[in-house]
Amino acid sequence: MEDKAIVKLYLDRDQQAIEETGKSHGAKLMRLAFGILKNQEDAEETVNDTYLRAWDTIPPQIPQFLFAYLAKICRFLAFDRLDWKQAGKRNVPLVELTQELELCIPASHMEQAVEIREIGRLLTEFLNSLPREPRLIFMRRYWFGDSIREIAKRYHIGESKVKTSLHRTRNKLKRYLEKEEITL
């Protein structure tokens, strides 16, 4: 079933919407949640919570791109679950990803902080300006939380190429944000 038809089911408050969402996007949401949580049970629960959150928020929200909407919900729920499970512990992969991006994006406590929406708009603009391969590699790393090895395997390239691409893209992002007068 197409996404527009699934969204219509949500708008009509038809419970078939959840089943159709699972058929169309369940596997992708599971990969996303598992990639963050590294635990099958937690990933399944997160995906089910994603369906519930979608049910609760459509309407009033009417997503233009259903999977992007669901993926955003799923990511937030997965990271919330990870925070809860890792309370008081350090999660090395998550800390590593955060530190990599902190070099490009200003911290919220900085004097010249920019609203989150503005940074989001600029990040989208920046990603749209990239060639396909570096954009996909960047998204797999920082949106889906894939490891360097997983990205290399997915795109049939070497790990060193992935690392180089990420390094260059982060540097371009830093220069782009500086050009937009977002100081780091």
C-alpha atoms as a PDB file:
ATOM      1  CA  MET A   1       0.000   0.000   0.000  1.00  0.00           C
ATOM      2  CA  GLU A   2       1.276   3.484  -0.820  1.00  0.00           C
ATOM      3  CA  ASP A   3       2.157   5.947   1.927  1.00  0.00           C
ATOM      4  CA  LYS A   4      -0.624   8.385   1.019  1.00  0.00           C
ATOM      5  CA  ALA A   5      -3.191   5.618   1.462  1.00  0.00           C
ATOM      6  CA  ILE A   6      -1.656   4.640   4.803  1.00  0.00           C
ATOM      7  CA  VAL A   7      -1.752   8.249   6.009  1.00  0.00           C
ATOM      8  CA  LYS A   8      -5.417   8.392   4.959  1.00  0.00           C
ATOM      9  CA  LEU A   9      -6.076   5.330   7.133  1.00  0.00           C
ATOM     10  CA  TYR A  10      -4.516   7.172  10.080  1.00  0.00           C
ATOM     11  CA  LEU A  11      -6.586  10.257   9.352  1.00  0.00           C
ATOM     12  CA  ASP A  12      -9.724   8.095   9.171  1.00  0.00           C
ATOM     13  CA  ARG A  13      -8.683   6.504  12.508  1.00  0.00           C
ATOM     14  CA  ASP A  14      -8.696   3.072  10.855  1.00  0.00           C
ATOM     15  CA  GLN A  15      -6.599   0.602  12.875  1.00  0.00           C
ATOM     16  CA  GLN A  16      -5.564  -1.060   9.616  1.00  0.00           C
ATOM     17  CA  ALA A  17      -3.097   1.866   9.360  1.00  0.00           C
ATOM     18  CA  ILE A  18      -0.786   0.250  11.897  1.00  0.00           C
ATOM     19  CA  GLU A  19      -0.783  -3.104  10.101  1.00  0.00           C
ATOM     20  CA  GLU A  20      -0.106  -1.449   6.748  1.00  0.00           C
ATOM     21  CA  THR A  21       2.650   0.664   8.310  1.00  0.00           C
ATOM     22  CA  GLY A  22       4.265  -2.529   9.574  1.00  0.00           C
ATOM     23  CA  LYS A  23       4.061  -4.170   6.153  1.00  0.00           C
ATOM     24  CA  SER A  24       5.496  -1.147   4.342  1.00  0.00           C
ATOM     25  CA  HIS A  25       8.066   0.162   6.794  1.00  0.00           C
ATOM     26  CA  GLY A  26       8.415  -2.340   9.653  1.00  0.00           C
ATOM     27  CA  ALA A  27      11.648  -3.942   8.446  1.00  0.00           C
ATOM     28  CA  LYS A  28      13.348  -0.589   7.852  1.00  0.00           C
ATOM     29  CA  LEU A  29      12.252   0.680  11.268  1.00  0.00           C
ATOM     30  CA  MET A  30      13.576  -2.517  12.890  1.00  0.00           C
ATOM     31  CA  ARG A  31      16.969  -2.024  11.230  1.00  0.00           C
ATOM     32  CA  LEU A  32      17.026   1.572  12.413  1.00  0.00           C
ATOM     33  CA  ALA A  33      16.068   0.735  16.000  1.00  0.00           C
ATOM     34  CA  PHE A  34      18.402  -2.273  16.172  1.00  0.00           C
ATOM     35  CA  GLY A  35      21.256  -0.200  14.753  1.00  0.00           C
ATOM     36  CA  ILE A  36      20.907   2.163  17.691  1.00  0.00           C
ATOM     37  CA  LEU A  37      19.976  -0.269  20.464  1.00  0.00           C
ATOM     38  CA  LYS A  38      21.876  -3.429  19.413  1.00  0.00           C
ATOM     39  CA  ASN A  39      19.155  -5.482  21.126  1.00  0.00           C
ATOM     40  CA  GLN A  40      16.348  -7.286  19.252  1.00  0.00           C
ATOM     41  CA  GLU A  41      13.798  -7.095  22.078  1.00  0.00           C
ATOM     42  CA  ASP A  42      14.361  -3.383  22.675  1.00  0.00           C
ATOM     43  CA  ALA A  43      14.227  -2.718  18.930  1.00  0.00           C
ATOM     44  CA  GLU A  44      10.889  -4.536  18.594  1.00  0.00           C
ATOM     45  CA  GLU A  45       9.444  -2.598  21.506  1.00  0.00           C
ATOM     46  CA  THR A  46      10.727   0.669  20.050  1.00  0.00           C
ATOM     47  CA  VAL A  47       9.125  -0.067  16.672  1.00  0.00           C
ATOM     48  CA  ASN A  48       5.821  -0.890  18.385  1.00  0.00           C
ATOM     49  CA  ASP A  49       6.091   2.365  20.337  1.00  0.00           C
ATOM     50  CA  THR A  50       6.738   4.123  17.016  1.00  0.00           C
ATOM     51  CA  TYR A  51       3.445   2.788  15.652  1.00  0.00           C
ATOM     52  CA  LEU A  52       1.643   3.970  18.780  1.00  0.00           C
ATOM     53  CA  ARG A  53       3.229   7.421  18.590  1.00  0.00           C
ATOM     54  CA  ALA A  54       2.260   7.669  14.911  1.00  0.00           C
ATOM     55  CA  TRP A  55      -1.311   6.700  15.835  1.00  0.00           C
ATOM     56  CA  ASP A  56      -1.359   9.383  18.531  1.00  0.00           C
ATOM     57  CA  THR A  57       0.102  12.143  16.336  1.00  0.00           C
ATOM     58  CA  ILE A  58      -1.610  11.553  12.959  1.00  0.00           C
ATOM     59  CA  PRO A  59      -3.790  13.642  13.068  1.00  0.00           C
ATOM     60  CA  PRO A  60      -3.103  16.475  13.858  1.00  0.00           C
ATOM     61  CA  GLN A  61       0.192  15.932  11.994  1.00  0.00           C
ATOM     62  CA  ILE A  62      -0.128  14.957   8.344  1.00  0.00           C
ATOM     63  CA  PRO A  63       3.288  13.719   7.231  1.00  0.00           C
ATOM     64  CA  GLN A  64       4.268  14.408   3.656  1.00  0.00           C
ATOM     65  CA  PHE A  65       6.884  11.630   3.746  1.00  0.00           C
ATOM     66  CA  LEU A  66       5.631   8.837   5.979  1.00  0.00           C
ATOM     67  CA  PHE A  67       8.870   6.889   6.389  1.00  0.00           C
ATOM     68  CA  ALA A  68      10.849  10.015   7.269  1.00  0.00           C
ATOM     69  CA  TYR A  69       8.193  10.864   9.860  1.00  0.00           C
ATOM     70  CA  LEU A  70       8.264   7.339  11.311  1.00  0.00           C
ATOM     71  CA  ALA A  71      12.068   7.178  11.257  1.00  0.00           C
ATOM     72  CA  LYS A  72      12.302  10.416  13.212  1.00  0.00           C
ATOM     73  CA  ILE A  73       9.916   9.070  15.842  1.00  0.00           C
ATOM     74  CA  CYS A  74      11.743   5.738  15.947  1.00  0.00           C
ATOM     75  CA  ARG A  75      15.165   7.371  16.349  1.00  0.00           C
ATOM     76  CA  PHE A  76      14.009   9.576  19.212  1.00  0.00           C
ATOM     77  CA  LEU A  77      12.356   6.634  20.961  1.00  0.00           C
ATOM     78  CA  ALA A  78      15.424   4.442  20.442  1.00  0.00           C
ATOM     79  CA  PHE A  79      17.779   7.093  21.811  1.00  0.00           C
ATOM     80  CA  ASP A  80      15.425   7.690  24.764  1.00  0.00           C
ATOM     81  CA  ARG A  81      15.442   3.949  25.486  1.00  0.00           C
ATOM     82  CA  LEU A  82      19.220   3.877  25.121  1.00  0.00           C
ATOM     83  CA  ASP A  83      19.559   6.797  27.550  1.00  0.00           C
ATOM     84  CA  TRP A  84      17.313   5.023  30.031  1.00  0.00           C
ATOM     85  CA  LYS A  85      19.188   1.716  29.727  1.00  0.00           C
ATOM     86  CA  GLN A  86      22.609   3.356  29.803  1.00  0.00           C
ATOM     87  CA  ALA A  87      21.886   5.746  32.675  1.00  0.00           C
ATOM     88  CA  GLY A  88      25.136   6.254  34.529  1.00  0.00           C
ATOM     89  CA  LYS A  89      27.153   4.333  31.936  1.00  0.00           C
ATOM     90  CA  ARG A  90      29.138   5.499  28.947  1.00  0.00           C
ATOM     91  CA  ASN A  91      28.052   4.161  25.571  1.00  0.00           C
ATOM     92  CA  VAL A  92      31.255   4.373  23.556  1.00  0.00           C
ATOM     93  CA  PRO A  93      29.741   4.311  20.007  1.00  0.00           C
ATOM     94  CA  LEU A  94      27.175   6.984  20.893  1.00  0.00           C
ATOM     95  CA  VAL A  95      29.783   9.154  22.607  1.00  0.00           C
ATOM     96  CA  GLU A  96      32.031   8.799  19.546  1.00  0.00           C
ATOM     97  CA  LEU A  97      29.264   9.902  17.148  1.00  0.00           C
ATOM     98  CA  THR A  98      28.350  12.836  19.354  1.00  0.00           C
ATOM     99  CA  GLN A  99      31.957  13.971  19.635  1.00  0.00           C
ATOM    100  CA  GLU A 100      32.422  13.785  15.855  1.00  0.00           C
ATOM    101  CA  LEU A 101      29.431  16.031  15.220  1.00  0.00           C
ATOM    102  CA  GLU A 102      30.218  18.407  18.087  1.00  0.00           C
ATOM    103  CA  LEU A 103      33.226  19.514  16.049  1.00  0.00           C
ATOM    104  CA  CYS A 104      30.852  20.829  13.373  1.00  0.00           C
ATOM    105  CA  ILE A 105      27.748  22.002  15.221  1.00  0.00           C
ATOM    106  CA  PRO A 106      27.817  24.551  18.018  1.00  0.00           C
ATOM    107  CA  ALA A 107      26.835  23.503  21.521  1.00  0.00           C
ATOM    108  CA  SER A 108      23.595  24.935  22.887  1.00  0.00           C
ATOM    109  CA  HIS A 109      25.382  26.731  25.722  1.00  0.00           C
ATOM    110  CA  MET A 110      27.482  28.881  23.420  1.00  0.00           C
ATOM    111  CA  GLU A 111      26.831  32.599  23.463  1.00  0.00           C
ATOM    112  CA  GLN A 112      25.902  32.802  19.770  1.00  0.00           C
ATOM    113  CA  ALA A 113      23.535  29.783  19.838  1.00  0.00           C
ATOM    114  CA  VAL A 114      21.203  29.378  16.901  1.00  0.00           C
ATOM    115  CA  GLU A 115      17.763  27.890  17.239  1.00  0.00           C
ATOM    116  CA  ILE A 116      17.557  24.179  16.504  1.00  0.00           C
ATOM    117  CA  ARG A 117      15.241  24.703  13.540  1.00  0.00           C
ATOM    118  CA  GLU A 118      17.726  27.026  11.873  1.00  0.00           C
ATOM    119  CA  ILE A 119      20.534  24.508  12.291  1.00  0.00           C
ATOM    120  CA  GLY A 120      18.228  21.816  10.935  1.00  0.00           C
ATOM    121  CA  ARG A 121      17.395  23.957   7.907  1.00  0.00           C
ATOM    122  CA  LEU A 122      21.061  24.672   7.259  1.00  0.00           C
ATOM    123  CA  LEU A 123      21.987  21.017   7.676  1.00  0.00           C
ATOM    124  CA  THR A 124      19.304  19.995   5.180  1.00  0.00           C
ATOM    125  CA  GLU A 125      20.523  22.653   2.755  1.00  0.00           C
ATOM    126  CA  PHE A 126      24.103  21.449   3.176  1.00  0.00           C
ATOM    127  CA  LEU A 127      23.200  17.781   2.667  1.00  0.00           C
ATOM    128  CA  ASN A 128      21.190  18.610  -0.451  1.00  0.00           C
ATOM    129  CA  SER A 129      24.283  20.305  -1.904  1.00  0.00           C
ATOM    130  CA  LEU A 130      26.428  17.165  -1.530  1.00  0.00           C
ATOM    131  CA  PRO A 131      26.958  14.560  -4.216  1.00  0.00           C
ATOM    132  CA  ARG A 132      24.941  11.372  -3.641  1.00  0.00           C
ATOM    133  CA  GLU A 133      27.662   9.096  -2.219  1.00  0.00           C
ATOM    134  CA  PRO A 134      29.040  11.412   0.500  1.00  0.00           C
ATOM    135  CA  ARG A 135      25.485  12.379   1.468  1.00  0.00           C
ATOM    136  CA  LEU A 136      24.450   8.736   1.842  1.00  0.00           C
ATOM    137  CA  ILE A 137      27.564   7.875   3.828  1.00  0.00           C
ATOM    138  CA  PHE A 138      27.006  10.873   6.132  1.00  0.00           C
ATOM    139  CA  MET A 139      23.326   9.980   6.645  1.00  0.00           C
ATOM    140  CA  ARG A 140      24.096   6.313   7.330  1.00  0.00           C
ATOM    141  CA  ARG A 141      26.634   7.344   9.972  1.00  0.00           C
ATOM    142  CA  TYR A 142      24.867  10.201  11.722  1.00  0.00           C
ATOM    143  CA  TRP A 143      21.169   9.535  11.095  1.00  0.00           C
ATOM    144  CA  PHE A 144      21.049   5.734  11.178  1.00  0.00           C
ATOM    145  CA  GLY A 145      24.092   5.304  13.448  1.00  0.00           C
ATOM    146  CA  ASP A 146      25.741   2.699  11.210  1.00  0.00           C
ATOM    147  CA  SER A 147      29.322   1.731  11.978  1.00  0.00           C
ATOM    148  CA  ILE A 148      32.139   2.437   9.520  1.00  0.00           C
ATOM    149  CA  ARG A 149      32.247  -1.291   8.718  1.00  0.00           C
ATOM    150  CA  GLU A 150      28.484  -1.458   8.052  1.00  0.00           C
ATOM    151  CA  ILE A 151      28.633   1.527   5.713  1.00  0.00           C
ATOM    152  CA  ALA A 152      31.610   0.094   3.811  1.00  0.00           C
ATOM    153  CA  LYS A 153      29.807  -3.219   3.395  1.00  0.00           C
ATOM    154  CA  ARG A 154      26.528  -1.574   2.332  1.00  0.00           C
ATOM    155  CA  TYR A 155      28.185   0.496  -0.423  1.00  0.00           C
ATOM    156  CA  HIS A 156      30.914  -2.018  -1.361  1.00  0.00           C
ATOM    157  CA  ILE A 157      33.756   0.361  -0.573  1.00  0.00           C
ATOM    158  CA  GLY A 158      36.706   0.257   1.786  1.00  0.00           C
ATOM    159  CA  GLU A 159      36.510   1.420   5.375  1.00  0.00           C
ATOM    160  CA  SER A 160      39.247   3.962   4.701  1.00  0.00           C
ATOM    161  CA  LYS A 161      37.117   5.517   1.952  1.00  0.00           C
ATOM    162  CA  VAL A 162      34.200   5.798   4.388  1.00  0.00           C
ATOM    163  CA  LYS A 163      36.427   7.441   7.018  1.00  0.00           C
ATOM    164  CA  THR A 164      37.890   9.839   4.459  1.00  0.00           C
ATOM    165  CA  SER A 165      34.448  10.742   3.124  1.00  0.00           C
ATOM    166  CA  LEU A 166      33.119  11.402   6.630  1.00  0.00           C
ATOM    167  CA  HIS A 167      36.156  13.494   7.539  1.00  0.00           C
ATOM    168  CA  ARG A 168      35.839  15.609   4.389  1.00  0.00           C
ATOM    169  CA  THR A 169      32.091  16.010   4.781  1.00  0.00           C
ATOM    170  CA  ARG A 170      32.445  17.110   8.425  1.00  0.00           C
ATOM    171  CA  ASN A 171      35.068  19.667   7.360  1.00  0.00           C
ATOM    172  CA  LYS A 172      32.784  20.941   4.575  1.00  0.00           C
ATOM    173  CA  LEU A 173      29.913  21.146   7.054  1.00  0.00           C
ATOM    174  CA  LYS A 174      32.065  23.122   9.477  1.00  0.00           C
ATOM    175  CA  ARG A 175      33.089  25.582   6.733  1.00  0.00           C
ATOM    176  CA  TYR A 176      29.486  25.836   5.524  1.00  0.00           C
ATOM    177  CA  LEU A 177      28.197  26.659   9.017  1.00  0.00           C
ATOM    178  CA  GLU A 178      30.980  29.205   9.527  1.00  0.00           C
ATOM    179  CA  LYS A 179      30.056  30.803   6.202  1.00  0.00           C
ATOM    180  CA  GLU A 180      26.463  31.021   7.500  1.00  0.00           C
ATOM    181  CA  GLU A 181      27.916  32.858  10.517  1.00  0.00           C
ATOM    182  CA  ILE A 182      27.428  30.027  12.970  1.00  0.00           C
ATOM    183  CA  THR A 183      30.575  30.184  15.038  1.00  0.00           C
ATOM    184  CA  LEU A 184      31.981  27.155  16.742  1.00  0.00           C
END
